[in-house]
Amino acid sequence: MSQNNDFFERVYNIVRRVPYGRVTTYGAIAQFLGTAKSARMVGYAMNAAHNLEDVPAHRVVNRIGLLTGKHHFGGINTMQQLLESEGHTIVNDQIQGFERVLWDPNK
């Protein structure tokens, strides 16, 4: 298995643990993995995860709650719709009450 594949699988294992109705960030995942400066690589892993049904990639957003990965989902509003179906309110591509719904794997 290549180094990227191993890293991606480690990311996916964390994302699978994000509770329903909660979100986490690329940076929080990177920090949990001990690679704090690799948030962009976590993003690459999420971009590659959208066809994996058991990885809730829609629950991973940027550090201020923006839906930066929304373009990698099938439809233009798919990420937003998935989050809204879990009870989130999205305004201008940003999760409202972000701090309240943030799940940090480091805690």
PDB file of N, CA and C in Angstrom:
ATOM      1  N   MET A   1       0.857  -1.189   0.000  1.00  0.00           N
ATOM      2  CA  MET A   1       0.000   0.000   0.000  1.00  0.00           C
ATOM      3  C   MET A   1       0.894   1.240   0.000  1.00  0.00           C
ATOM      4  N   SER A   2       0.552   2.206  -0.827  1.00  0.00           N
ATOM      5  CA  SER A   2       1.370   3.409  -0.905  1.00  0.00           C
ATOM      6  C   SER A   2       1.170   4.261   0.336  1.00  0.00           C
ATOM      7  N   GLN A   3       2.088   5.185   0.542  1.00  0.00           N
ATOM      8  CA  GLN A   3       2.025   6.074   1.695  1.00  0.00           C
ATOM      9  C   GLN A   3       0.748   6.917   1.674  1.00  0.00           C
ATOM     10  N   ASN A   4       0.357   7.425   0.497  1.00  0.00           N
ATOM     11  CA  ASN A   4      -0.876   8.206   0.388  1.00  0.00           C
ATOM     12  C   ASN A   4      -2.097   7.365   0.725  1.00  0.00           C
ATOM     13  N   ASN A   5      -2.153   6.133   0.205  1.00  0.00           N
ATOM     14  CA  ASN A   5      -3.289   5.263   0.493  1.00  0.00           C
ATOM     15  C   ASN A   5      -3.403   4.995   1.979  1.00  0.00           C
ATOM     16  N   ASP A   6      -2.285   4.777   2.648  1.00  0.00           N
ATOM     17  CA  ASP A   6      -2.282   4.537   4.084  1.00  0.00           C
ATOM     18  C   ASP A   6      -2.769   5.785   4.822  1.00  0.00           C
ATOM     19  N   PHE A   7      -2.286   6.951   4.431  1.00  0.00           N
ATOM     20  CA  PHE A   7      -2.717   8.203   5.058  1.00  0.00           C
ATOM     21  C   PHE A   7      -4.213   8.411   4.838  1.00  0.00           C
ATOM     22  N   PHE A   8      -4.677   8.214   3.613  1.00  0.00           N
ATOM     23  CA  PHE A   8      -6.095   8.390   3.301  1.00  0.00           C
ATOM     24  C   PHE A   8      -6.936   7.457   4.165  1.00  0.00           C
ATOM     25  N   GLU A   9      -6.528   6.204   4.315  1.00  0.00           N
ATOM     26  CA  GLU A   9      -7.299   5.249   5.120  1.00  0.00           C
ATOM     27  C   GLU A   9      -7.321   5.672   6.586  1.00  0.00           C
ATOM     28  N   ARG A  10      -6.240   6.221   7.083  1.00  0.00           N
ATOM     29  CA  ARG A  10      -6.218   6.731   8.463  1.00  0.00           C
ATOM     30  C   ARG A  10      -7.203   7.892   8.607  1.00  0.00           C
ATOM     31  N   VAL A  11      -7.258   8.758   7.598  1.00  0.00           N
ATOM     32  CA  VAL A  11      -8.221   9.869   7.599  1.00  0.00           C
ATOM     33  C   VAL A  11      -9.642   9.313   7.604  1.00  0.00           C
ATOM     34  N   TYR A  12      -9.918   8.356   6.724  1.00  0.00           N
ATOM     35  CA  TYR A  12     -11.263   7.788   6.616  1.00  0.00           C
ATOM     36  C   TYR A  12     -11.704   7.151   7.931  1.00  0.00           C
ATOM     37  N   ASN A  13     -10.776   6.499   8.625  1.00  0.00           N
ATOM     38  CA  ASN A  13     -11.126   5.880   9.902  1.00  0.00           C
ATOM     39  C   ASN A  13     -11.571   6.922  10.923  1.00  0.00           C
ATOM     40  N   ILE A  14     -10.989   8.096  10.887  1.00  0.00           N
ATOM     41  CA  ILE A  14     -11.409   9.170  11.797  1.00  0.00           C
ATOM     42  C   ILE A  14     -12.759   9.733  11.359  1.00  0.00           C
ATOM     43  N   VAL A  15     -12.912   9.981  10.065  1.00  0.00           N
ATOM     44  CA  VAL A  15     -14.153  10.563   9.558  1.00  0.00           C
ATOM     45  C   VAL A  15     -15.340   9.634   9.843  1.00  0.00           C
ATOM     46  N   ARG A  16     -15.117   8.357   9.810  1.00  0.00           N
ATOM     47  CA  ARG A  16     -16.196   7.408  10.129  1.00  0.00           C
ATOM     48  C   ARG A  16     -16.687   7.565  11.570  1.00  0.00           C
ATOM     49  N   ARG A  17     -15.873   8.157  12.427  1.00  0.00           N
ATOM     50  CA  ARG A  17     -16.221   8.332  13.846  1.00  0.00           C
ATOM     51  C   ARG A  17     -16.951   9.650  14.129  1.00  0.00           C
ATOM     52  N   VAL A  18     -17.025  10.556  13.149  1.00  0.00           N
ATOM     53  CA  VAL A  18     -17.709  11.838  13.367  1.00  0.00           C
ATOM     54  C   VAL A  18     -19.192  11.551  13.594  1.00  0.00           C
ATOM     55  N   PRO A  19     -19.721  11.944  14.743  1.00  0.00           N
ATOM     56  CA  PRO A  19     -21.122  11.627  15.047  1.00  0.00           C
ATOM     57  C   PRO A  19     -22.100  12.326  14.102  1.00  0.00           C
ATOM     58  N   TYR A  20     -23.233  11.681  13.901  1.00  0.00           N
ATOM     59  CA  TYR A  20     -24.336  12.256  13.146  1.00  0.00           C
ATOM     60  C   TYR A  20     -24.688  13.610  13.758  1.00  0.00           C
ATOM     61  N   GLY A  21     -24.870  14.616  12.905  1.00  0.00           N
ATOM     62  CA  GLY A  21     -25.234  15.945  13.393  1.00  0.00           C
ATOM     63  C   GLY A  21     -24.059  16.780  13.857  1.00  0.00           C
ATOM     64  N   ARG A  22     -22.857  16.280  13.705  1.00  0.00           N
ATOM     65  CA  ARG A  22     -21.655  17.011  14.087  1.00  0.00           C
ATOM     66  C   ARG A  22     -20.755  17.129  12.865  1.00  0.00           C
ATOM     67  N   VAL A  23     -19.772  18.010  12.941  1.00  0.00           N
ATOM     68  CA  VAL A  23     -18.789  18.170  11.865  1.00  0.00           C
ATOM     69  C   VAL A  23     -17.405  18.285  12.486  1.00  0.00           C
ATOM     70  N   THR A  24     -16.405  18.072  11.672  1.00  0.00           N
ATOM     71  CA  THR A  24     -15.024  18.283  12.093  1.00  0.00           C
ATOM     72  C   THR A  24     -14.303  19.042  10.989  1.00  0.00           C
ATOM     73  N   THR A  25     -13.033  19.329  11.198  1.00  0.00           N
ATOM     74  CA  THR A  25     -12.270  20.110  10.219  1.00  0.00           C
ATOM     75  C   THR A  25     -11.083  19.309   9.685  1.00  0.00           C
ATOM     76  N   TYR A  26     -10.613  19.751   8.546  1.00  0.00           N
ATOM     77  CA  TYR A  26      -9.418  19.147   7.952  1.00  0.00           C
ATOM     78  C   TYR A  26      -8.251  19.237   8.933  1.00  0.00           C
ATOM     79  N   GLY A  27      -8.096  20.403   9.544  1.00  0.00           N
ATOM     80  CA  GLY A  27      -6.989  20.628  10.468  1.00  0.00           C
ATOM     81  C   GLY A  27      -7.076  19.790  11.724  1.00  0.00           C
ATOM     82  N   ALA A  28      -8.289  19.608  12.264  1.00  0.00           N
ATOM     83  CA  ALA A  28      -8.451  18.789  13.469  1.00  0.00           C
ATOM     84  C   ALA A  28      -8.064  17.342  13.187  1.00  0.00           C
ATOM     85  N   ILE A  29      -8.419  16.856  12.014  1.00  0.00           N
ATOM     86  CA  ILE A  29      -8.046  15.492  11.634  1.00  0.00           C
ATOM     87  C   ILE A  29      -6.526  15.388  11.488  1.00  0.00           C
ATOM     88  N   ALA A  30      -5.939  16.355  10.794  1.00  0.00           N
ATOM     89  CA  ALA A  30      -4.484  16.345  10.612  1.00  0.00           C
ATOM     90  C   ALA A  30      -3.765  16.361  11.955  1.00  0.00           C
ATOM     91  N   GLN A  31      -4.232  17.196  12.864  1.00  0.00           N
ATOM     92  CA  GLN A  31      -3.612  17.282  14.187  1.00  0.00           C
ATOM     93  C   GLN A  31      -3.748  15.956  14.929  1.00  0.00           C
ATOM     94  N   PHE A  32      -4.910  15.340  14.849  1.00  0.00           N
ATOM     95  CA  PHE A  32      -5.132  14.055  15.513  1.00  0.00           C
ATOM     96  C   PHE A  32      -4.164  12.997  14.988  1.00  0.00           C
ATOM     97  N   LEU A  33      -3.880  13.046  13.703  1.00  0.00           N
ATOM     98  CA  LEU A  33      -2.968  12.083  13.086  1.00  0.00           C
ATOM     99  C   LEU A  33      -1.506  12.389  13.377  1.00  0.00           C
ATOM    100  N   GLY A  34      -1.249  13.499  14.075  1.00  0.00           N
ATOM    101  CA  GLY A  34       0.131  13.865  14.385  1.00  0.00           C
ATOM    102  C   GLY A  34       0.841  14.526  13.226  1.00  0.00           C
ATOM    103  N   THR A  35       0.067  15.010  12.259  1.00  0.00           N
ATOM    104  CA  THR A  35       0.621  15.664  11.077  1.00  0.00           C
ATOM    105  C   THR A  35      -0.071  17.014  10.904  1.00  0.00           C
ATOM    106  N   ALA A  36       0.080  17.873  11.889  1.00  0.00           N
ATOM    107  CA  ALA A  36      -0.688  19.120  11.978  1.00  0.00           C
ATOM    108  C   ALA A  36      -0.617  19.986  10.728  1.00  0.00           C
ATOM    109  N   LYS A  37       0.445  19.895   9.974  1.00  0.00           N
ATOM    110  CA  LYS A  37       0.591  20.742   8.789  1.00  0.00           C
ATOM    111  C   LYS A  37       0.056  20.071   7.517  1.00  0.00           C
ATOM    112  N   SER A  38      -0.680  18.994   7.670  1.00  0.00           N
ATOM    113  CA  SER A  38      -1.149  18.261   6.489  1.00  0.00           C
ATOM    114  C   SER A  38      -2.656  18.382   6.261  1.00  0.00           C
ATOM    115  N   ALA A  39      -3.258  19.491   6.675  1.00  0.00           N
ATOM    116  CA  ALA A  39      -4.700  19.682   6.468  1.00  0.00           C
ATOM    117  C   ALA A  39      -5.060  19.589   4.993  1.00  0.00           C
ATOM    118  N   ARG A  40      -4.192  20.079   4.132  1.00  0.00           N
ATOM    119  CA  ARG A  40      -4.460  20.013   2.682  1.00  0.00           C
ATOM    120  C   ARG A  40      -4.512  18.561   2.211  1.00  0.00           C
ATOM    121  N   MET A  41      -3.650  17.716   2.759  1.00  0.00           N
ATOM    122  CA  MET A  41      -3.678  16.286   2.399  1.00  0.00           C
ATOM    123  C   MET A  41      -4.973  15.629   2.885  1.00  0.00           C
ATOM    124  N   VAL A  42      -5.469  16.063   4.044  1.00  0.00           N
ATOM    125  CA  VAL A  42      -6.761  15.567   4.520  1.00  0.00           C
ATOM    126  C   VAL A  42      -7.829  15.955   3.505  1.00  0.00           C
ATOM    127  N   GLY A  43      -7.740  17.165   2.980  1.00  0.00           N
ATOM    128  CA  GLY A  43      -8.672  17.610   1.940  1.00  0.00           C
ATOM    129  C   GLY A  43      -8.592  16.734   0.705  1.00  0.00           C
ATOM    130  N   TYR A  44      -7.388  16.370   0.306  1.00  0.00           N
ATOM    131  CA  TYR A  44      -7.240  15.474  -0.849  1.00  0.00           C
ATOM    132  C   TYR A  44      -7.896  14.128  -0.568  1.00  0.00           C
ATOM    133  N   ALA A  45      -7.739  13.644   0.649  1.00  0.00           N
ATOM    134  CA  ALA A  45      -8.364  12.378   1.030  1.00  0.00           C
ATOM    135  C   ALA A  45      -9.887  12.498   0.947  1.00  0.00           C
ATOM    136  N   MET A  46     -10.418  13.625   1.413  1.00  0.00           N
ATOM    137  CA  MET A  46     -11.869  13.828   1.357  1.00  0.00           C
ATOM    138  C   MET A  46     -12.348  13.927  -0.081  1.00  0.00           C
ATOM    139  N   ASN A  47     -11.586  14.571  -0.940  1.00  0.00           N
ATOM    140  CA  ASN A  47     -11.953  14.674  -2.354  1.00  0.00           C
ATOM    141  C   ASN A  47     -12.055  13.298  -2.990  1.00  0.00           C
ATOM    142  N   ALA A  48     -11.226  12.375  -2.530  1.00  0.00           N
ATOM    143  CA  ALA A  48     -11.222  11.020  -3.080  1.00  0.00           C
ATOM    144  C   ALA A  48     -12.249  10.115  -2.405  1.00  0.00           C
ATOM    145  N   ALA A  49     -12.930  10.595  -1.362  1.00  0.00           N
ATOM    146  CA  ALA A  49     -13.809   9.748  -0.550  1.00  0.00           C
ATOM    147  C   ALA A  49     -15.276   9.802  -0.941  1.00  0.00           C
ATOM    148  N   HIS A  50     -15.647  10.663  -1.835  1.00  0.00           N
ATOM    149  CA  HIS A  50     -17.063  10.897  -2.083  1.00  0.00           C
ATOM    150  C   HIS A  50     -17.801   9.700  -2.666  1.00  0.00           C
ATOM    151  N   ASN A  51     -17.083   8.731  -3.192  1.00  0.00           N
ATOM    152  CA  ASN A  51     -17.723   7.524  -3.700  1.00  0.00           C
ATOM    153  C   ASN A  51     -17.724   6.396  -2.671  1.00  0.00           C
ATOM    154  N   LEU A  52     -17.137   6.653  -1.507  1.00  0.00           N
ATOM    155  CA  LEU A  52     -17.108   5.645  -0.446  1.00  0.00           C
ATOM    156  C   LEU A  52     -18.316   5.871   0.463  1.00  0.00           C
ATOM    157  N   GLU A  53     -19.288   4.982   0.379  1.00  0.00           N
ATOM    158  CA  GLU A  53     -20.541   5.175   1.096  1.00  0.00           C
ATOM    159  C   GLU A  53     -20.379   5.187   2.608  1.00  0.00           C
ATOM    160  N   ASP A  54     -19.340   4.544   3.125  1.00  0.00           N
ATOM    161  CA  ASP A  54     -19.176   4.459   4.574  1.00  0.00           C
ATOM    162  C   ASP A  54     -18.322   5.585   5.160  1.00  0.00           C
ATOM    163  N   VAL A  55     -17.952   6.563   4.326  1.00  0.00           N
ATOM    164  CA  VAL A  55     -17.163   7.709   4.795  1.00  0.00           C
ATOM    165  C   VAL A  55     -18.021   8.971   4.648  1.00  0.00           C
ATOM    166  N   PRO A  56     -18.503   9.539   5.760  1.00  0.00           N
ATOM    167  CA  PRO A  56     -19.366  10.725   5.681  1.00  0.00           C
ATOM    168  C   PRO A  56     -18.556  12.006   5.427  1.00  0.00           C
ATOM    169  N   ALA A  57     -18.017  12.103   4.227  1.00  0.00           N
ATOM    170  CA  ALA A  57     -17.128  13.219   3.864  1.00  0.00           C
ATOM    171  C   ALA A  57     -17.811  14.572   4.006  1.00  0.00           C
ATOM    172  N   HIS A  58     -19.129  14.613   3.924  1.00  0.00           N
ATOM    173  CA  HIS A  58     -19.852  15.887   4.049  1.00  0.00           C
ATOM    174  C   HIS A  58     -19.685  16.496   5.436  1.00  0.00           C
ATOM    175  N   ARG A  59     -19.248  15.725   6.403  1.00  0.00           N
ATOM    176  CA  ARG A  59     -19.073  16.219   7.774  1.00  0.00           C
ATOM    177  C   ARG A  59     -17.713  16.857   8.016  1.00  0.00           C
ATOM    178  N   VAL A  60     -16.910  17.014   6.982  1.00  0.00           N
ATOM    179  CA  VAL A  60     -15.591  17.637   7.120  1.00  0.00           C
ATOM    180  C   VAL A  60     -15.603  18.968   6.387  1.00  0.00           C
ATOM    181  N   VAL A  61     -15.315  20.032   7.130  1.00  0.00           N
ATOM    182  CA  VAL A  61     -15.364  21.396   6.599  1.00  0.00           C
ATOM    183  C   VAL A  61     -14.072  22.127   6.963  1.00  0.00           C
ATOM    184  N   ASN A  62     -13.960  23.364   6.542  1.00  0.00           N
ATOM    185  CA  ASN A  62     -12.733  24.090   6.872  1.00  0.00           C
ATOM    186  C   ASN A  62     -12.807  24.643   8.297  1.00  0.00           C
ATOM    187  N   ARG A  63     -11.765  25.308   8.722  1.00  0.00           N
ATOM    188  CA  ARG A  63     -11.608  25.709  10.126  1.00  0.00           C
ATOM    189  C   ARG A  63     -12.629  26.731  10.619  1.00  0.00           C
ATOM    190  N   ILE A  64     -13.368  27.365   9.694  1.00  0.00           N
ATOM    191  CA  ILE A  64     -14.394  28.312  10.132  1.00  0.00           C
ATOM    192  C   ILE A  64     -15.808  27.835   9.746  1.00  0.00           C
ATOM    193  N   GLY A  65     -15.905  26.581   9.336  1.00  0.00           N
ATOM    194  CA  GLY A  65     -17.210  26.010   9.027  1.00  0.00           C
ATOM    195  C   GLY A  65     -17.704  26.200   7.616  1.00  0.00           C
ATOM    196  N   LEU A  66     -16.816  26.575   6.706  1.00  0.00           N
ATOM    197  CA  LEU A  66     -17.214  26.723   5.298  1.00  0.00           C
ATOM    198  C   LEU A  66     -17.213  25.381   4.583  1.00  0.00           C
ATOM    199  N   LEU A  67     -18.157  25.210   3.676  1.00  0.00           N
ATOM    200  CA  LEU A  67     -18.268  23.983   2.891  1.00  0.00           C
ATOM    201  C   LEU A  67     -17.326  24.035   1.696  1.00  0.00           C
ATOM    202  N   THR A  68     -16.045  24.043   1.967  1.00  0.00           N
ATOM    203  CA  THR A  68     -15.052  24.212   0.904  1.00  0.00           C
ATOM    204  C   THR A  68     -14.965  23.012  -0.023  1.00  0.00           C
ATOM    205  N   GLY A  69     -15.418  21.846   0.413  1.00  0.00           N
ATOM    206  CA  GLY A  69     -15.340  20.661  -0.433  1.00  0.00           C
ATOM    207  C   GLY A  69     -16.595  20.373  -1.219  1.00  0.00           C
ATOM    208  N   LYS A  70     -17.531  21.301  -1.235  1.00  0.00           N
ATOM    209  CA  LYS A  70     -18.845  21.037  -1.826  1.00  0.00           C
ATOM    210  C   LYS A  70     -18.803  20.701  -3.313  1.00  0.00           C
ATOM    211  N   HIS A  71     -17.800  21.160  -4.027  1.00  0.00           N
ATOM    212  CA  HIS A  71     -17.723  20.936  -5.464  1.00  0.00           C
ATOM    213  C   HIS A  71     -17.363  19.496  -5.817  1.00  0.00           C
ATOM    214  N   HIS A  72     -16.946  18.724  -4.812  1.00  0.00           N
ATOM    215  CA  HIS A  72     -16.541  17.345  -5.076  1.00  0.00           C
ATOM    216  C   HIS A  72     -17.675  16.348  -4.874  1.00  0.00           C
ATOM    217  N   PHE A  73     -18.858  16.851  -4.535  1.00  0.00           N
ATOM    218  CA  PHE A  73     -20.032  16.002  -4.393  1.00  0.00           C
ATOM    219  C   PHE A  73     -20.793  16.002  -5.711  1.00  0.00           C
ATOM    220  N   GLY A  74     -21.647  15.014  -5.898  1.00  0.00           N
ATOM    221  CA  GLY A  74     -22.366  14.835  -7.160  1.00  0.00           C
ATOM    222  C   GLY A  74     -23.127  16.047  -7.658  1.00  0.00           C
ATOM    223  N   GLY A  75     -23.904  16.691  -6.821  1.00  0.00           N
ATOM    224  CA  GLY A  75     -24.686  17.845  -7.246  1.00  0.00           C
ATOM    225  C   GLY A  75     -24.154  19.119  -6.626  1.00  0.00           C
ATOM    226  N   ILE A  76     -24.616  20.238  -7.128  1.00  0.00           N
ATOM    227  CA  ILE A  76     -24.092  21.520  -6.675  1.00  0.00           C
ATOM    228  C   ILE A  76     -24.396  21.794  -5.197  1.00  0.00           C
ATOM    229  N   ASN A  77     -25.521  21.272  -4.688  1.00  0.00           N
ATOM    230  CA  ASN A  77     -25.888  21.510  -3.289  1.00  0.00           C
ATOM    231  C   ASN A  77     -25.916  20.238  -2.461  1.00  0.00           C
ATOM    232  N   THR A  78     -25.319  19.167  -2.953  1.00  0.00           N
ATOM    233  CA  THR A  78     -25.398  17.877  -2.259  1.00  0.00           C
ATOM    234  C   THR A  78     -24.813  17.939  -0.856  1.00  0.00           C
ATOM    235  N   MET A  79     -23.649  18.527  -0.685  1.00  0.00           N
ATOM    236  CA  MET A  79     -23.028  18.602   0.637  1.00  0.00           C
ATOM    237  C   MET A  79     -23.936  19.368   1.601  1.00  0.00           C
ATOM    238  N   GLN A  80     -24.443  20.495   1.147  1.00  0.00           N
ATOM    239  CA  GLN A  80     -25.341  21.300   1.976  1.00  0.00           C
ATOM    240  C   GLN A  80     -26.588  20.507   2.338  1.00  0.00           C
ATOM    241  N   GLN A  81     -27.170  19.815   1.375  1.00  0.00           N
ATOM    242  CA  GLN A  81     -28.378  19.039   1.628  1.00  0.00           C
ATOM    243  C   GLN A  81     -28.131  17.925   2.642  1.00  0.00           C
ATOM    244  N   LEU A  82     -26.999  17.261   2.539  1.00  0.00           N
ATOM    245  CA  LEU A  82     -26.661  16.203   3.499  1.00  0.00           C
ATOM    246  C   LEU A  82     -26.521  16.778   4.907  1.00  0.00           C
ATOM    247  N   LEU A  83     -25.853  17.920   5.022  1.00  0.00           N
ATOM    248  CA  LEU A  83     -25.691  18.548   6.333  1.00  0.00           C
ATOM    249  C   LEU A  83     -27.029  19.037   6.881  1.00  0.00           C
ATOM    250  N   GLU A  84     -27.831  19.626   6.039  1.00  0.00           N
ATOM    251  CA  GLU A  84     -29.147  20.097   6.477  1.00  0.00           C
ATOM    252  C   GLU A  84     -30.033  18.934   6.926  1.00  0.00           C
ATOM    253  N   SER A  85     -29.889  17.790   6.278  1.00  0.00           N
ATOM    254  CA  SER A  85     -30.681  16.618   6.674  1.00  0.00           C
ATOM    255  C   SER A  85     -30.270  16.117   8.059  1.00  0.00           C
ATOM    256  N   GLU A  86     -29.094  16.520   8.518  1.00  0.00           N
ATOM    257  CA  GLU A  86     -28.626  16.155   9.857  1.00  0.00           C
ATOM    258  C   GLU A  86     -28.904  17.268  10.869  1.00  0.00           C
ATOM    259  N   GLY A  87     -29.629  18.310  10.429  1.00  0.00           N
ATOM    260  CA  GLY A  87     -30.049  19.352  11.358  1.00  0.00           C
ATOM    261  C   GLY A  87     -29.253  20.639  11.319  1.00  0.00           C
ATOM    262  N   HIS A  88     -28.272  20.738  10.434  1.00  0.00           N
ATOM    263  CA  HIS A  88     -27.456  21.953  10.345  1.00  0.00           C
ATOM    264  C   HIS A  88     -28.175  23.036   9.539  1.00  0.00           C
ATOM    265  N   THR A  89     -27.902  24.272   9.894  1.00  0.00           N
ATOM    266  CA  THR A  89     -28.367  25.414   9.112  1.00  0.00           C
ATOM    267  C   THR A  89     -27.156  25.965   8.376  1.00  0.00           C
ATOM    268  N   ILE A  90     -27.282  26.118   7.071  1.00  0.00           N
ATOM    269  CA  ILE A  90     -26.191  26.610   6.225  1.00  0.00           C
ATOM    270  C   ILE A  90     -26.629  27.933   5.608  1.00  0.00           C
ATOM    271  N   VAL A  91     -25.799  28.969   5.777  1.00  0.00           N
ATOM    272  CA  VAL A  91     -26.042  30.270   5.158  1.00  0.00           C
ATOM    273  C   VAL A  91     -24.766  30.681   4.441  1.00  0.00           C
ATOM    274  N   ASN A  92     -24.888  30.961   3.148  1.00  0.00           N
ATOM    275  CA  ASN A  92     -23.728  31.346   2.336  1.00  0.00           C
ATOM    276  C   ASN A  92     -22.581  30.348   2.471  1.00  0.00           C
ATOM    277  N   ASP A  93     -22.920  29.063   2.362  1.00  0.00           N
ATOM    278  CA  ASP A  93     -21.940  27.968   2.419  1.00  0.00           C
ATOM    279  C   ASP A  93     -21.246  27.836   3.770  1.00  0.00           C
ATOM    280  N   GLN A  94     -21.814  28.384   4.827  1.00  0.00           N
ATOM    281  CA  GLN A  94     -21.188  28.298   6.155  1.00  0.00           C
ATOM    282  C   GLN A  94     -22.170  27.724   7.170  1.00  0.00           C
ATOM    283  N   ILE A  95     -21.681  26.792   7.971  1.00  0.00           N
ATOM    284  CA  ILE A  95     -22.495  26.187   9.019  1.00  0.00           C
ATOM    285  C   ILE A  95     -22.729  27.218  10.118  1.00  0.00           C
ATOM    286  N   GLN A  96     -23.980  27.415  10.467  1.00  0.00           N
ATOM    287  CA  GLN A  96     -24.345  28.342  11.534  1.00  0.00           C
ATOM    288  C   GLN A  96     -24.191  27.619  12.879  1.00  0.00           C
ATOM    289  N   GLY A  97     -23.707  28.332  13.885  1.00  0.00           N
ATOM    290  CA  GLY A  97     -23.463  27.715  15.186  1.00  0.00           C
ATOM    291  C   GLY A  97     -22.354  26.687  15.118  1.00  0.00           C
ATOM    292  N   PHE A  98     -21.368  26.957  14.288  1.00  0.00           N
ATOM    293  CA  PHE A  98     -20.284  26.012  14.008  1.00  0.00           C
ATOM    294  C   PHE A  98     -19.608  25.504  15.283  1.00  0.00           C
ATOM    295  N   GLU A  99     -19.282  26.386  16.203  1.00  0.00           N
ATOM    296  CA  GLU A  99     -18.575  25.988  17.425  1.00  0.00           C
ATOM    297  C   GLU A  99     -19.390  24.966  18.223  1.00  0.00           C
ATOM    298  N   ARG A 100     -20.701  25.077  18.175  1.00  0.00           N
ATOM    299  CA  ARG A 100     -21.594  24.197  18.923  1.00  0.00           C
ATOM    300  C   ARG A 100     -21.630  22.777  18.340  1.00  0.00           C
ATOM    301  N   VAL A 101     -21.417  22.641  17.039  1.00  0.00           N
ATOM    302  CA  VAL A 101     -21.526  21.328  16.392  1.00  0.00           C
ATOM    303  C   VAL A 101     -20.169  20.737  16.018  1.00  0.00           C
ATOM    304  N   LEU A 102     -19.108  21.434  16.357  1.00  0.00           N
ATOM    305  CA  LEU A 102     -17.760  20.962  16.026  1.00  0.00           C
ATOM    306  C   LEU A 102     -17.387  19.759  16.887  1.00  0.00           C
ATOM    307  N   TRP A 103     -16.967  18.703  16.242  1.00  0.00           N
ATOM    308  CA  TRP A 103     -16.465  17.493  16.921  1.00  0.00           C
ATOM    309  C   TRP A 103     -14.960  17.457  16.701  1.00  0.00           C
ATOM    310  N   ASP A 104     -14.223  17.445  17.797  1.00  0.00           N
ATOM    311  CA  ASP A 104     -12.759  17.451  17.716  1.00  0.00           C
ATOM    312  C   ASP A 104     -12.250  16.070  18.135  1.00  0.00           C
ATOM    313  N   PRO A 105     -11.645  15.329  17.225  1.00  0.00           N
ATOM    314  CA  PRO A 105     -11.150  13.987  17.580  1.00  0.00           C
ATOM    315  C   PRO A 105     -10.026  14.032  18.616  1.00  0.00           C
ATOM    316  N   ASN A 106      -9.475  15.206  18.846  1.00  0.00           N
ATOM    317  CA  ASN A 106      -8.378  15.354  19.814  1.00  0.00           C
ATOM    318  C   ASN A 106      -8.876  15.440  21.251  1.00  0.00           C
ATOM    319  N   LYS A 107     -10.186  15.518  21.428  1.00  0.00           N
ATOM    320  CA  LYS A 107     -10.740  15.671  22.783  1.00  0.00           C
ATOM    321  C   LYS A 107     -11.536  14.469  23.196  1.00  0.00           C
TER     322      LYS A 107
END
